[in-house]
N, C-alpha and C. Protein backbone atom coordinates (compact mmCIF):
# COMPACT_ATOMS: atom_id res chain seq x y z
N MET A 1 -18.06 0.32 13.31
CA MET A 1 -17.20 1.32 12.72
C MET A 1 -17.89 2.68 12.78
N ARG A 2 -17.09 3.72 13.04
CA ARG A 2 -17.64 5.07 12.99
C ARG A 2 -16.59 5.98 12.35
N LEU A 3 -17.07 7.07 11.79
CA LEU A 3 -16.20 8.06 11.15
C LEU A 3 -16.17 9.31 12.03
N GLU A 4 -14.97 9.79 12.34
CA GLU A 4 -14.81 11.02 13.10
C GLU A 4 -14.22 12.08 12.18
N LEU A 5 -14.89 13.23 12.11
CA LEU A 5 -14.39 14.32 11.29
C LEU A 5 -13.06 14.80 11.88
N SER A 6 -12.00 14.74 11.09
CA SER A 6 -10.69 15.16 11.59
C SER A 6 -10.18 16.42 10.90
N HIS A 7 -10.77 16.78 9.76
CA HIS A 7 -10.30 17.96 9.04
C HIS A 7 -11.37 18.38 8.03
N ALA A 8 -11.58 19.68 7.90
CA ALA A 8 -12.47 20.21 6.87
C ALA A 8 -11.98 21.61 6.52
N SER A 9 -11.79 21.86 5.24
CA SER A 9 -11.30 23.18 4.83
C SER A 9 -11.64 23.44 3.37
N VAL A 10 -11.51 24.72 3.01
CA VAL A 10 -11.56 25.13 1.62
C VAL A 10 -10.12 25.49 1.24
N VAL A 11 -9.62 24.91 0.17
CA VAL A 11 -8.23 25.12 -0.24
C VAL A 11 -8.23 25.86 -1.58
N GLN A 12 -7.42 26.91 -1.65
CA GLN A 12 -7.26 27.69 -2.88
C GLN A 12 -5.77 27.68 -3.24
N LEU A 13 -5.43 27.15 -4.40
CA LEU A 13 -4.05 27.11 -4.88
C LEU A 13 -3.95 27.96 -6.14
N THR A 14 -2.95 28.84 -6.20
CA THR A 14 -2.82 29.70 -7.38
C THR A 14 -1.54 29.41 -8.16
N ASP A 15 -0.62 28.66 -7.60
CA ASP A 15 0.62 28.31 -8.30
C ASP A 15 0.61 26.82 -8.63
N ALA A 16 1.48 26.45 -9.58
CA ALA A 16 1.63 25.03 -9.89
C ALA A 16 2.01 24.30 -8.61
N TRP A 17 1.46 23.10 -8.42
CA TRP A 17 1.66 22.39 -7.18
C TRP A 17 1.65 20.89 -7.45
N SER A 18 2.44 20.18 -6.67
CA SER A 18 2.46 18.73 -6.78
C SER A 18 2.65 18.16 -5.36
N SER A 19 1.87 17.17 -5.01
CA SER A 19 2.00 16.54 -3.69
C SER A 19 3.05 15.44 -3.75
N THR A 20 3.58 15.11 -2.59
CA THR A 20 4.49 13.98 -2.49
C THR A 20 3.64 12.72 -2.43
N PRO A 21 3.96 11.69 -3.21
CA PRO A 21 3.17 10.45 -3.12
C PRO A 21 3.20 9.91 -1.69
N ASP A 22 2.03 9.54 -1.18
CA ASP A 22 1.96 8.96 0.16
C ASP A 22 0.76 8.04 0.28
N LEU A 23 0.78 7.21 1.32
CA LEU A 23 -0.34 6.32 1.60
C LEU A 23 -1.38 7.07 2.43
N VAL A 24 -2.61 6.99 2.02
CA VAL A 24 -3.71 7.63 2.73
C VAL A 24 -3.98 6.84 4.01
N GLN A 25 -4.08 7.55 5.13
CA GLN A 25 -4.33 6.89 6.42
C GLN A 25 -5.78 7.04 6.88
N ASP A 26 -6.54 7.90 6.20
CA ASP A 26 -7.91 8.19 6.62
C ASP A 26 -8.82 8.13 5.41
N LEU A 27 -10.04 8.54 5.60
CA LEU A 27 -11.02 8.61 4.51
C LEU A 27 -11.10 10.06 4.08
N ARG A 28 -10.94 10.35 2.79
CA ARG A 28 -10.91 11.74 2.32
C ARG A 28 -11.90 11.95 1.19
N LEU A 29 -12.59 13.08 1.28
CA LEU A 29 -13.47 13.54 0.20
C LEU A 29 -12.95 14.90 -0.25
N ILE A 30 -12.75 15.05 -1.54
CA ILE A 30 -12.25 16.31 -2.10
C ILE A 30 -13.21 16.69 -3.22
N LEU A 31 -13.88 17.81 -3.05
CA LEU A 31 -14.83 18.30 -4.06
C LEU A 31 -14.19 19.46 -4.80
N VAL A 32 -13.87 19.24 -6.07
CA VAL A 32 -13.21 20.27 -6.88
C VAL A 32 -14.25 21.29 -7.32
N GLN A 33 -13.99 22.55 -6.99
CA GLN A 33 -14.90 23.62 -7.36
C GLN A 33 -14.44 24.36 -8.62
N GLU A 34 -13.12 24.53 -8.76
CA GLU A 34 -12.61 25.15 -9.98
C GLU A 34 -11.18 24.68 -10.21
N GLY A 35 -10.75 24.72 -11.47
CA GLY A 35 -9.39 24.33 -11.83
C GLY A 35 -9.31 22.89 -12.30
N PHE A 36 -8.11 22.52 -12.75
CA PHE A 36 -7.88 21.21 -13.33
C PHE A 36 -6.55 20.66 -12.85
N GLY A 37 -6.40 19.36 -12.95
CA GLY A 37 -5.14 18.72 -12.59
C GLY A 37 -5.23 17.23 -12.82
N VAL A 38 -4.28 16.52 -12.24
CA VAL A 38 -4.21 15.07 -12.39
C VAL A 38 -4.07 14.45 -11.00
N TRP A 39 -4.92 13.48 -10.71
CA TRP A 39 -4.79 12.67 -9.50
C TRP A 39 -4.27 11.31 -9.91
N SER A 40 -3.28 10.82 -9.19
CA SER A 40 -2.83 9.44 -9.35
C SER A 40 -3.21 8.71 -8.07
N ILE A 41 -4.02 7.69 -8.23
CA ILE A 41 -4.48 6.89 -7.10
C ILE A 41 -4.13 5.45 -7.41
N ASP A 42 -3.30 4.86 -6.53
CA ASP A 42 -2.83 3.50 -6.75
C ASP A 42 -2.24 3.34 -8.15
N SER A 43 -1.43 4.30 -8.54
CA SER A 43 -0.69 4.30 -9.82
C SER A 43 -1.58 4.44 -11.05
N ARG A 44 -2.84 4.80 -10.89
CA ARG A 44 -3.73 5.07 -12.03
C ARG A 44 -4.01 6.56 -12.05
N SER A 45 -3.63 7.23 -13.14
CA SER A 45 -3.79 8.68 -13.24
C SER A 45 -5.11 9.02 -13.92
N GLN A 46 -5.71 10.12 -13.46
CA GLN A 46 -6.97 10.57 -14.02
C GLN A 46 -7.05 12.09 -13.91
N LEU A 47 -7.54 12.72 -14.98
CA LEU A 47 -7.75 14.17 -14.95
C LEU A 47 -8.90 14.50 -14.02
N PHE A 48 -8.82 15.64 -13.35
CA PHE A 48 -9.94 16.11 -12.55
C PHE A 48 -10.24 17.55 -12.90
N GLY A 49 -11.47 17.96 -12.62
CA GLY A 49 -11.89 19.33 -12.88
C GLY A 49 -13.12 19.65 -12.04
N PRO A 50 -13.73 20.81 -12.30
CA PRO A 50 -14.90 21.22 -11.53
C PRO A 50 -15.99 20.14 -11.53
N ASN A 51 -16.65 20.01 -10.40
CA ASN A 51 -17.73 19.04 -10.16
C ASN A 51 -17.23 17.62 -9.93
N ASP A 52 -15.92 17.40 -9.86
CA ASP A 52 -15.41 16.06 -9.57
C ASP A 52 -15.30 15.88 -8.05
N LEU A 53 -15.71 14.72 -7.59
CA LEU A 53 -15.57 14.35 -6.19
C LEU A 53 -14.50 13.25 -6.14
N ILE A 54 -13.42 13.53 -5.45
CA ILE A 54 -12.33 12.58 -5.32
C ILE A 54 -12.49 11.89 -3.98
N PHE A 55 -12.51 10.58 -4.01
CA PHE A 55 -12.77 9.77 -2.82
C PHE A 55 -11.56 8.88 -2.57
N LEU A 56 -10.84 9.16 -1.49
CA LEU A 56 -9.64 8.40 -1.15
C LEU A 56 -9.90 7.55 0.08
N LYS A 57 -9.50 6.30 -0.01
CA LYS A 57 -9.73 5.35 1.08
C LYS A 57 -8.40 5.01 1.76
N PRO A 58 -8.44 4.60 3.03
CA PRO A 58 -7.22 4.23 3.73
C PRO A 58 -6.44 3.15 2.96
N GLY A 59 -5.13 3.34 2.90
CA GLY A 59 -4.27 2.37 2.24
C GLY A 59 -4.00 2.66 0.77
N GLN A 60 -4.69 3.64 0.18
CA GLN A 60 -4.45 3.97 -1.22
C GLN A 60 -3.22 4.88 -1.33
N LEU A 61 -2.44 4.67 -2.39
CA LEU A 61 -1.30 5.53 -2.68
C LEU A 61 -1.82 6.68 -3.54
N ARG A 62 -1.57 7.92 -3.09
CA ARG A 62 -2.11 9.07 -3.83
C ARG A 62 -1.01 10.07 -4.15
N HIS A 63 -1.24 10.80 -5.23
CA HIS A 63 -0.33 11.85 -5.69
C HIS A 63 -1.16 12.78 -6.58
N ALA A 64 -1.03 14.09 -6.39
CA ALA A 64 -1.81 15.05 -7.18
C ALA A 64 -0.88 16.07 -7.82
N ARG A 65 -1.26 16.53 -9.00
CA ARG A 65 -0.54 17.60 -9.70
C ARG A 65 -1.58 18.57 -10.24
N MET A 66 -1.33 19.86 -10.02
CA MET A 66 -2.23 20.89 -10.48
C MET A 66 -1.67 21.52 -11.76
N VAL A 67 -2.57 21.94 -12.62
CA VAL A 67 -2.17 22.59 -13.87
C VAL A 67 -1.54 23.95 -13.55
N PRO A 68 -0.34 24.24 -14.08
CA PRO A 68 0.29 25.54 -13.81
C PRO A 68 -0.56 26.69 -14.33
N GLU A 69 -0.44 27.81 -13.63
CA GLU A 69 -1.10 29.06 -14.03
C GLU A 69 -2.61 28.95 -14.10
N GLN A 70 -3.18 28.03 -13.37
CA GLN A 70 -4.63 27.88 -13.31
C GLN A 70 -5.01 27.69 -11.85
N PRO A 71 -5.78 28.62 -11.27
CA PRO A 71 -6.16 28.43 -9.86
C PRO A 71 -6.98 27.16 -9.68
N VAL A 72 -6.78 26.52 -8.55
CA VAL A 72 -7.56 25.34 -8.18
C VAL A 72 -8.16 25.61 -6.81
N ARG A 73 -9.47 25.36 -6.69
CA ARG A 73 -10.14 25.51 -5.41
C ARG A 73 -10.95 24.25 -5.15
N TYR A 74 -10.83 23.75 -3.91
CA TYR A 74 -11.58 22.56 -3.57
C TYR A 74 -11.93 22.53 -2.08
N LEU A 75 -12.99 21.81 -1.78
CA LEU A 75 -13.37 21.53 -0.39
C LEU A 75 -12.73 20.20 -0.02
N ALA A 76 -12.10 20.14 1.14
CA ALA A 76 -11.45 18.90 1.58
C ALA A 76 -12.00 18.50 2.94
N VAL A 77 -12.37 17.24 3.07
CA VAL A 77 -12.87 16.70 4.32
C VAL A 77 -12.14 15.38 4.58
N ARG A 78 -11.70 15.21 5.83
CA ARG A 78 -11.04 13.97 6.22
C ARG A 78 -11.78 13.37 7.41
N PHE A 79 -11.90 12.06 7.39
CA PHE A 79 -12.51 11.32 8.49
C PHE A 79 -11.54 10.27 9.00
N SER A 80 -11.37 10.21 10.32
CA SER A 80 -10.65 9.09 10.93
C SER A 80 -11.62 7.93 10.99
N VAL A 81 -11.15 6.77 10.61
CA VAL A 81 -11.99 5.57 10.64
C VAL A 81 -11.69 4.85 11.95
N CYS A 82 -12.70 4.75 12.82
CA CYS A 82 -12.53 4.16 14.15
C CYS A 82 -13.28 2.83 14.23
N GLY A 83 -12.64 1.87 14.84
CA GLY A 83 -13.30 0.58 15.08
C GLY A 83 -13.46 -0.28 13.85
N LEU A 84 -12.62 -0.07 12.84
CA LEU A 84 -12.72 -0.87 11.62
C LEU A 84 -11.82 -2.10 11.75
N GLU A 85 -12.40 -3.24 11.60
CA GLU A 85 -11.65 -4.49 11.59
C GLU A 85 -11.91 -5.16 10.25
N GLY A 86 -10.85 -5.35 9.48
CA GLY A 86 -11.01 -5.95 8.17
C GLY A 86 -11.18 -4.89 7.10
N PRO A 87 -11.68 -5.29 5.94
CA PRO A 87 -11.83 -4.34 4.81
C PRO A 87 -12.95 -3.33 5.06
N LEU A 88 -12.95 -2.28 4.25
CA LEU A 88 -14.02 -1.29 4.32
C LEU A 88 -15.35 -1.94 3.96
N PRO A 89 -16.45 -1.47 4.56
CA PRO A 89 -17.76 -2.02 4.20
C PRO A 89 -18.11 -1.68 2.75
N PRO A 90 -18.98 -2.46 2.14
CA PRO A 90 -19.32 -2.25 0.73
C PRO A 90 -19.85 -0.85 0.41
N TRP A 91 -20.55 -0.21 1.36
CA TRP A 91 -21.12 1.12 1.09
C TRP A 91 -20.04 2.19 0.97
N LEU A 92 -18.79 1.87 1.35
CA LEU A 92 -17.69 2.81 1.16
C LEU A 92 -16.84 2.50 -0.06
N MET A 93 -17.20 1.51 -0.81
CA MET A 93 -16.40 1.12 -1.96
C MET A 93 -16.86 1.85 -3.23
N LEU A 94 -16.75 3.16 -3.19
CA LEU A 94 -17.10 4.01 -4.33
C LEU A 94 -15.90 4.13 -5.26
N PRO A 95 -16.12 4.52 -6.52
CA PRO A 95 -14.98 4.82 -7.39
C PRO A 95 -14.16 5.97 -6.82
N SER A 96 -12.90 6.08 -7.22
CA SER A 96 -12.02 7.12 -6.67
C SER A 96 -12.37 8.52 -7.17
N ILE A 97 -12.91 8.64 -8.37
CA ILE A 97 -13.32 9.95 -8.89
C ILE A 97 -14.72 9.82 -9.47
N LEU A 98 -15.61 10.68 -8.98
CA LEU A 98 -16.99 10.72 -9.44
C LEU A 98 -17.26 12.08 -10.05
N ARG A 99 -17.90 12.14 -11.21
CA ARG A 99 -18.29 13.41 -11.82
C ARG A 99 -19.72 13.71 -11.39
N LEU A 100 -19.92 14.84 -10.71
CA LEU A 100 -21.23 15.21 -10.17
C LEU A 100 -21.93 16.21 -11.08
N THR A 101 -23.25 16.18 -11.07
CA THR A 101 -24.02 17.22 -11.74
C THR A 101 -23.92 18.48 -10.88
N PRO A 102 -24.15 19.67 -11.45
CA PRO A 102 -24.12 20.89 -10.65
C PRO A 102 -25.08 20.85 -9.45
N GLU A 103 -26.25 20.22 -9.62
CA GLU A 103 -27.21 20.16 -8.52
C GLU A 103 -26.68 19.30 -7.38
N VAL A 104 -26.11 18.16 -7.71
CA VAL A 104 -25.55 17.28 -6.68
C VAL A 104 -24.34 17.95 -6.04
N ARG A 105 -23.53 18.63 -6.85
CA ARG A 105 -22.37 19.35 -6.29
C ARG A 105 -22.82 20.36 -5.24
N ALA A 106 -23.87 21.14 -5.54
CA ALA A 106 -24.36 22.14 -4.59
C ALA A 106 -24.81 21.48 -3.30
N HIS A 107 -25.46 20.34 -3.41
CA HIS A 107 -25.92 19.61 -2.23
C HIS A 107 -24.72 19.12 -1.41
N VAL A 108 -23.72 18.54 -2.07
CA VAL A 108 -22.53 18.04 -1.37
C VAL A 108 -21.78 19.20 -0.71
N GLU A 109 -21.66 20.33 -1.40
CA GLU A 109 -21.01 21.50 -0.80
C GLU A 109 -21.71 21.92 0.49
N GLY A 110 -23.03 21.91 0.47
CA GLY A 110 -23.78 22.27 1.67
C GLY A 110 -23.52 21.30 2.81
N LEU A 111 -23.48 20.01 2.50
CA LEU A 111 -23.20 19.01 3.53
C LEU A 111 -21.79 19.18 4.09
N VAL A 112 -20.81 19.40 3.22
CA VAL A 112 -19.42 19.56 3.66
C VAL A 112 -19.29 20.80 4.54
N GLU A 113 -19.92 21.90 4.14
CA GLU A 113 -19.84 23.13 4.94
C GLU A 113 -20.51 22.93 6.30
N GLU A 114 -21.62 22.21 6.33
CA GLU A 114 -22.29 21.95 7.60
C GLU A 114 -21.42 21.07 8.51
N MET A 115 -20.77 20.05 7.93
CA MET A 115 -19.87 19.21 8.74
C MET A 115 -18.68 20.02 9.24
N ARG A 116 -18.15 20.90 8.39
CA ARG A 116 -17.02 21.74 8.80
C ARG A 116 -17.43 22.66 9.95
N ASP A 117 -18.61 23.28 9.83
CA ASP A 117 -19.09 24.18 10.88
C ASP A 117 -19.35 23.43 12.18
N GLU A 118 -19.93 22.24 12.08
CA GLU A 118 -20.20 21.44 13.27
C GLU A 118 -18.90 21.02 13.93
N GLY A 119 -17.90 20.66 13.14
CA GLY A 119 -16.59 20.30 13.68
C GLY A 119 -15.91 21.47 14.36
N ALA A 120 -16.09 22.69 13.84
CA ALA A 120 -15.50 23.88 14.45
C ALA A 120 -16.18 24.21 15.78
N ARG A 121 -17.49 23.99 15.85
CA ARG A 121 -18.22 24.26 17.10
C ARG A 121 -17.88 23.25 18.19
N GLN A 122 -17.62 22.02 17.80
CA GLN A 122 -17.37 20.95 18.76
C GLN A 122 -16.11 20.18 18.36
N PRO A 123 -14.92 20.76 18.57
CA PRO A 123 -13.70 20.05 18.19
C PRO A 123 -13.62 18.68 18.85
N GLY A 124 -13.24 17.69 18.06
CA GLY A 124 -13.10 16.33 18.58
C GLY A 124 -14.41 15.56 18.64
N ALA A 125 -15.51 16.21 18.32
CA ALA A 125 -16.81 15.52 18.37
C ALA A 125 -16.96 14.62 17.15
N VAL A 126 -17.79 13.61 17.31
CA VAL A 126 -18.09 12.73 16.18
C VAL A 126 -19.12 13.43 15.31
N CYS A 127 -18.82 13.57 14.04
CA CYS A 127 -19.76 14.20 13.11
C CYS A 127 -20.18 13.14 12.10
N LEU A 128 -21.43 12.83 12.09
CA LEU A 128 -21.93 11.81 11.19
C LEU A 128 -22.52 12.46 9.94
N PRO A 129 -21.96 12.14 8.76
CA PRO A 129 -22.51 12.71 7.53
C PRO A 129 -24.00 12.42 7.40
N LYS A 130 -24.44 11.24 7.86
CA LYS A 130 -25.85 10.89 7.74
C LYS A 130 -26.72 11.85 8.55
N SER A 131 -26.28 12.24 9.75
CA SER A 131 -27.10 13.16 10.55
C SER A 131 -27.16 14.54 9.91
N CYS A 132 -26.04 15.01 9.33
CA CYS A 132 -26.07 16.30 8.62
C CYS A 132 -27.01 16.24 7.43
N TYR A 133 -26.97 15.12 6.70
CA TYR A 133 -27.85 14.96 5.55
C TYR A 133 -29.31 14.97 5.99
N LEU A 134 -29.62 14.23 7.05
CA LEU A 134 -31.02 14.14 7.49
C LEU A 134 -31.52 15.49 7.99
N ARG A 135 -30.67 16.28 8.66
CA ARG A 135 -31.11 17.59 9.12
C ARG A 135 -31.43 18.50 7.93
N ARG A 136 -30.67 18.39 6.84
CA ARG A 136 -30.93 19.20 5.66
C ARG A 136 -32.18 18.74 4.92
N ARG A 137 -32.40 17.44 4.96
CA ARG A 137 -33.50 16.87 4.18
C ARG A 137 -34.85 17.05 4.85
N TYR A 138 -34.92 17.00 6.19
CA TYR A 138 -36.21 17.01 6.89
C TYR A 138 -36.34 18.17 7.82
């Protein structure tokens, strides 16, 4: 199995917003930088806010609602899952919403920005989060 970076962006919403419920087809990481709202994942609703990392896996039903009159900004990264046969491996079975410390958030933001930049330089290239992490670490 390998992950191919298919999308990376910074999203800024200033008006009330609600997504249409849909099934996730890829692997998604959403790092909330500011604002609040509600994510419903597989019919379980949870509040989100700054420093939350939302992790969506293929096959999950998702729906999001943003708090009116409150800007929301987040980093969004999507990966196409290639060569997967059967269920996701155990190392991808994280909770759907993780609350990060500010230090971990800063590190994740740096990794996401590096993956986004690498994807922009080489469209369609395979971007491995592990290689971005190792380049930052060593």
